[in-house]
C-alpha atoms as a PDB file:
ATOM      1  CA  MET A   1     171.560  26.467 173.824  1.00  0.00           C
ATOM      2  CA  ARG A   2     168.781  28.284 175.561  1.00  0.00           C
ATOM      3  CA  LEU A   3     170.884  28.808 178.770  1.00  0.00           C
ATOM      4  CA  PHE A   4     173.252  31.117 176.893  1.00  0.00           C
ATOM      5  CA  LEU A   5     170.305  33.051 175.476  1.00  0.00           C
ATOM      6  CA  LEU A   6     169.018  33.478 179.044  1.00  0.00           C
ATOM      7  CA  LEU A   7     172.508  34.397 180.471  1.00  0.00           C
ATOM      8  CA  GLY A   8     173.131  36.770 177.452  1.00  0.00           C
ATOM      9  CA  SER A   9     169.794  38.523 178.002  1.00  0.00           C
ATOM     10  CA  LEU A  10     170.398  38.851 181.703  1.00  0.00           C
ATOM     11  CA  ASN A  11     173.811  40.186 181.137  1.00  0.00           C
ATOM     12  CA  MET A  12     172.452  42.776 178.535  1.00  0.00           C
ATOM     13  CA  PHE A  13     169.969  43.971 181.170  1.00  0.00           C
ATOM     14  CA  LEU A  14     172.706  44.162 183.704  1.00  0.00           C
ATOM     15  CA  SER A  15     175.090  45.969 181.363  1.00  0.00           C
ATOM     16  CA  ILE A  16     172.573  48.548 180.510  1.00  0.00           C
ATOM     17  CA  ALA A  17     171.542  49.094 184.153  1.00  0.00           C
ATOM     18  CA  LEU A  18     175.178  49.281 185.293  1.00  0.00           C
ATOM     19  CA  GLY A  19     176.112  51.688 182.446  1.00  0.00           C
ATOM     20  CA  ALA A  20     173.256  53.907 183.312  1.00  0.00           C
ATOM     21  CA  PHE A  21     174.165  53.800 187.035  1.00  0.00           C
ATOM     22  CA  GLY A  22     177.646  54.768 186.170  1.00  0.00           C
ATOM     23  CA  ALA A  23     176.533  57.697 183.952  1.00  0.00           C
ATOM     24  CA  HIS A  24     173.872  59.023 186.321  1.00  0.00           C
ATOM     25  CA  GLY A  25     174.811  57.621 189.698  1.00  0.00           C
ATOM     26  CA  LEU A  26     178.578  58.047 189.774  1.00  0.00           C
ATOM     27  CA  GLU A  27     179.228  61.119 187.743  1.00  0.00           C
ATOM     28  CA  GLY A  28     180.780  63.713 189.963  1.00  0.00           C
ATOM     29  CA  LYS A  29     181.144  61.155 192.831  1.00  0.00           C
ATOM     30  CA  VAL A  30     184.233  59.432 191.460  1.00  0.00           C
ATOM     31  CA  SER A  31     187.222  60.699 189.572  1.00  0.00           C
ATOM     32  CA  GLU A  32     187.290  60.919 185.753  1.00  0.00           C
ATOM     33  CA  ARG A  33     189.749  58.094 185.698  1.00  0.00           C
ATOM     34  CA  MET A  34     187.399  55.857 187.674  1.00  0.00           C
ATOM     35  CA  MET A  35     184.546  56.869 185.271  1.00  0.00           C
ATOM     36  CA  GLU A  36     186.766  55.810 182.466  1.00  0.00           C
ATOM     37  CA  ILE A  37     187.281  52.411 184.099  1.00  0.00           C
ATOM     38  CA  TRP A  38     183.580  52.127 184.727  1.00  0.00           C
ATOM     39  CA  ARG A  39     182.759  52.720 181.051  1.00  0.00           C
ATOM     40  CA  THR A  40     185.455  50.109 180.175  1.00  0.00           C
ATOM     41  CA  GLY A  41     183.756  47.507 182.239  1.00  0.00           C
ATOM     42  CA  ALA A  42     180.356  48.422 180.829  1.00  0.00           C
ATOM     43  CA  HIS A  43     181.658  48.371 177.217  1.00  0.00           C
ATOM     44  CA  TYR A  44     183.084  44.856 177.598  1.00  0.00           C
ATOM     45  CA  HIS A  45     180.032  43.690 179.541  1.00  0.00           C
ATOM     46  CA  ILE A  46     177.731  44.800 176.680  1.00  0.00           C
ATOM     47  CA  VAL A  47     179.788  43.373 173.921  1.00  0.00           C
ATOM     48  CA  HIS A  48     180.125  40.045 175.704  1.00  0.00           C
ATOM     49  CA  GLY A  49     176.412  39.948 176.776  1.00  0.00           C
ATOM     50  CA  LEU A  50     175.714  40.140 172.992  1.00  0.00           C
ATOM     51  CA  ALA A  51     178.268  37.356 172.501  1.00  0.00           C
ATOM     52  CA  LEU A  52     176.419  35.173 174.883  1.00  0.00           C
ATOM     53  CA  ILE A  53     173.331  35.547 172.889  1.00  0.00           C
ATOM     54  CA  ALA A  54     175.201  34.669 169.592  1.00  0.00           C
ATOM     55  CA  ILE A  55     176.745  31.632 171.328  1.00  0.00           C
ATOM     56  CA  GLY A  56     173.227  30.461 172.226  1.00  0.00           C
ATOM     57  CA  LEU A  57     172.169  30.790 168.728  1.00  0.00           C
ATOM     58  CA  LEU A  58     175.348  29.050 167.529  1.00  0.00           C
ATOM     59  CA  ALA A  59     174.941  26.209 169.907  1.00  0.00           C
ATOM     60  CA  ASP A  60     171.596  25.367 168.166  1.00  0.00           C
ATOM     61  CA  ARG A  61     173.068  25.664 164.831  1.00  0.00           C
ATOM     62  CA  PHE A  62     176.312  23.697 165.709  1.00  0.00           C
ATOM     63  CA  GLY A  63     174.408  20.974 167.657  1.00  0.00           C
ATOM     64  CA  GLY A  64     175.508  22.013 171.026  1.00  0.00           C
ATOM     65  CA  SER A  65     179.224  21.628 170.142  1.00  0.00           C
ATOM     66  CA  GLY A  66     181.466  21.110 173.163  1.00  0.00           C
ATOM     67  CA  LEU A  67     183.574  24.048 172.059  1.00  0.00           C
ATOM     68  CA  ILE A  68     180.635  26.398 171.775  1.00  0.00           C
ATOM     69  CA  THR A  69     179.531  25.440 175.322  1.00  0.00           C
ATOM     70  CA  THR A  70     182.982  26.054 176.586  1.00  0.00           C
ATOM     71  CA  ALA A  71     183.033  29.330 174.777  1.00  0.00           C
ATOM     72  CA  GLY A  72     179.891  30.431 176.541  1.00  0.00           C
ATOM     73  CA  TRP A  73     181.127  29.605 180.021  1.00  0.00           C
ATOM     74  CA  LEU A  74     184.527  31.284 179.337  1.00  0.00           C
ATOM     75  CA  ILE A  75     182.766  34.371 178.123  1.00  0.00           C
ATOM     76  CA  LEU A  76     180.562  34.490 181.255  1.00  0.00           C
ATOM     77  CA  VAL A  77     183.543  33.985 183.505  1.00  0.00           C
ATOM     78  CA  GLY A  78     185.218  36.777 181.547  1.00  0.00           C
ATOM     79  CA  ILE A  79     182.330  39.141 182.152  1.00  0.00           C
ATOM     80  CA  VAL A  80     182.345  38.314 185.942  1.00  0.00           C
ATOM     81  CA  LEU A  81     186.155  38.634 186.249  1.00  0.00           C
ATOM     82  CA  PHE A  82     186.913  41.529 183.848  1.00  0.00           C
ATOM     83  CA  SER A  83     183.812  43.799 184.059  1.00  0.00           C
ATOM     84  CA  GLY A  84     182.966  42.669 187.626  1.00  0.00           C
ATOM     85  CA  SER A  85     186.574  43.616 188.946  1.00  0.00           C
ATOM     86  CA  LEU A  86     186.405  46.867 187.276  1.00  0.00           C
ATOM     87  CA  TYR A  87     182.916  47.693 188.734  1.00  0.00           C
ATOM     88  CA  ALA A  88     184.203  46.666 192.151  1.00  0.00           C
ATOM     89  CA  MET A  89     187.345  48.646 191.877  1.00  0.00           C
ATOM     90  CA  VAL A  90     185.425  51.821 191.119  1.00  0.00           C
ATOM     91  CA  LEU A  91     182.817  51.209 193.912  1.00  0.00           C
ATOM     92  CA  THR A  92     185.410  50.349 196.661  1.00  0.00           C
ATOM     93  CA  ASN A  93     188.429  52.402 195.367  1.00  0.00           C
ATOM     94  CA  VAL A  94     190.457  49.234 195.996  1.00  0.00           C
ATOM     95  CA  THR A  95     192.766  49.485 192.929  1.00  0.00           C
ATOM     96  CA  LYS A  96     194.371  46.097 193.742  1.00  0.00           C
ATOM     97  CA  LEU A  97     191.192  44.559 192.306  1.00  0.00           C
ATOM     98  CA  GLY A  98     192.401  45.479 188.856  1.00  0.00           C
ATOM     99  CA  ALA A  99     194.812  42.625 189.196  1.00  0.00           C
ATOM    100  CA  ILE A 100     191.798  40.318 188.531  1.00  0.00           C
ATOM    101  CA  THR A 101     190.826  42.027 185.385  1.00  0.00           C
ATOM    102  CA  PRO A 102     193.461  40.478 183.015  1.00  0.00           C
ATOM    103  CA  ILE A 103     192.271  36.931 184.148  1.00  0.00           C
ATOM    104  CA  GLY A 104     188.882  38.002 182.772  1.00  0.00           C
ATOM    105  CA  GLY A 105     190.605  39.292 179.669  1.00  0.00           C
ATOM    106  CA  VAL A 106     192.168  35.792 179.085  1.00  0.00           C
ATOM    107  CA  ALA A 107     188.750  34.080 179.564  1.00  0.00           C
ATOM    108  CA  PHE A 108     187.304  36.269 176.859  1.00  0.00           C
ATOM    109  CA  LEU A 109     190.311  35.394 174.542  1.00  0.00           C
ATOM    110  CA  ALA A 110     189.915  31.806 175.326  1.00  0.00           C
ATOM    111  CA  GLY A 111     186.192  31.919 174.780  1.00  0.00           C
ATOM    112  CA  TRP A 112     186.731  33.541 171.262  1.00  0.00           C
ATOM    113  CA  VAL A 113     189.386  30.914 170.392  1.00  0.00           C
ATOM    114  CA  CYS A 114     186.691  28.205 171.084  1.00  0.00           C
ATOM    115  CA  VAL A 115     184.203  29.924 168.825  1.00  0.00           C
ATOM    116  CA  PHE A 116     186.843  30.166 166.124  1.00  0.00           C
ATOM    117  CA  LEU A 117     187.707  26.417 166.495  1.00  0.00           C
ATOM    118  CA  ALA A 118     184.093  25.391 166.520  1.00  0.00           C
ATOM    119  CA  ALA A 119     183.489  27.404 163.327  1.00  0.00           C
ATOM    120  CA  TRP A 120     186.574  25.894 161.907  1.00  0.00           C
ATOM    121  CA  LYS A 121     185.398  22.285 162.631  1.00  0.00           C
ATOM    122  CA  GLN A 122     182.046  23.076 160.858  1.00  0.00           C
ATOM    123  CA  MET A 123     183.902  23.950 157.710  1.00  0.00           C
ATOM    124  CA  GLY A 124     185.703  20.667 157.498  1.00  0.00           C
END
């Protein structure tokens, strides 16, 4: 599905831009612990931006399977909640935002389960 190719490409742009901002704009302005949190957000962001691109390609191959579409939306929600909450936490120093992060992690996990199930269905 082209939508996930577009969303994946956009998220790759954002993950690279935010990673660079963290490395060059935040260094020395936030604690090393906060830099580590920023890097974790950027890492998961880039990995799952690539996942959105892969999901877009899989959607074409699998005929737009409902599971693949669901996986794409779950991965996108995961990026927003997981990486987004970590970015927000570092920028605001409101550590309670970290409570949102695991919800994004669960969305990532659910998205990957959907990819697995879609591939499983294709085998049978």
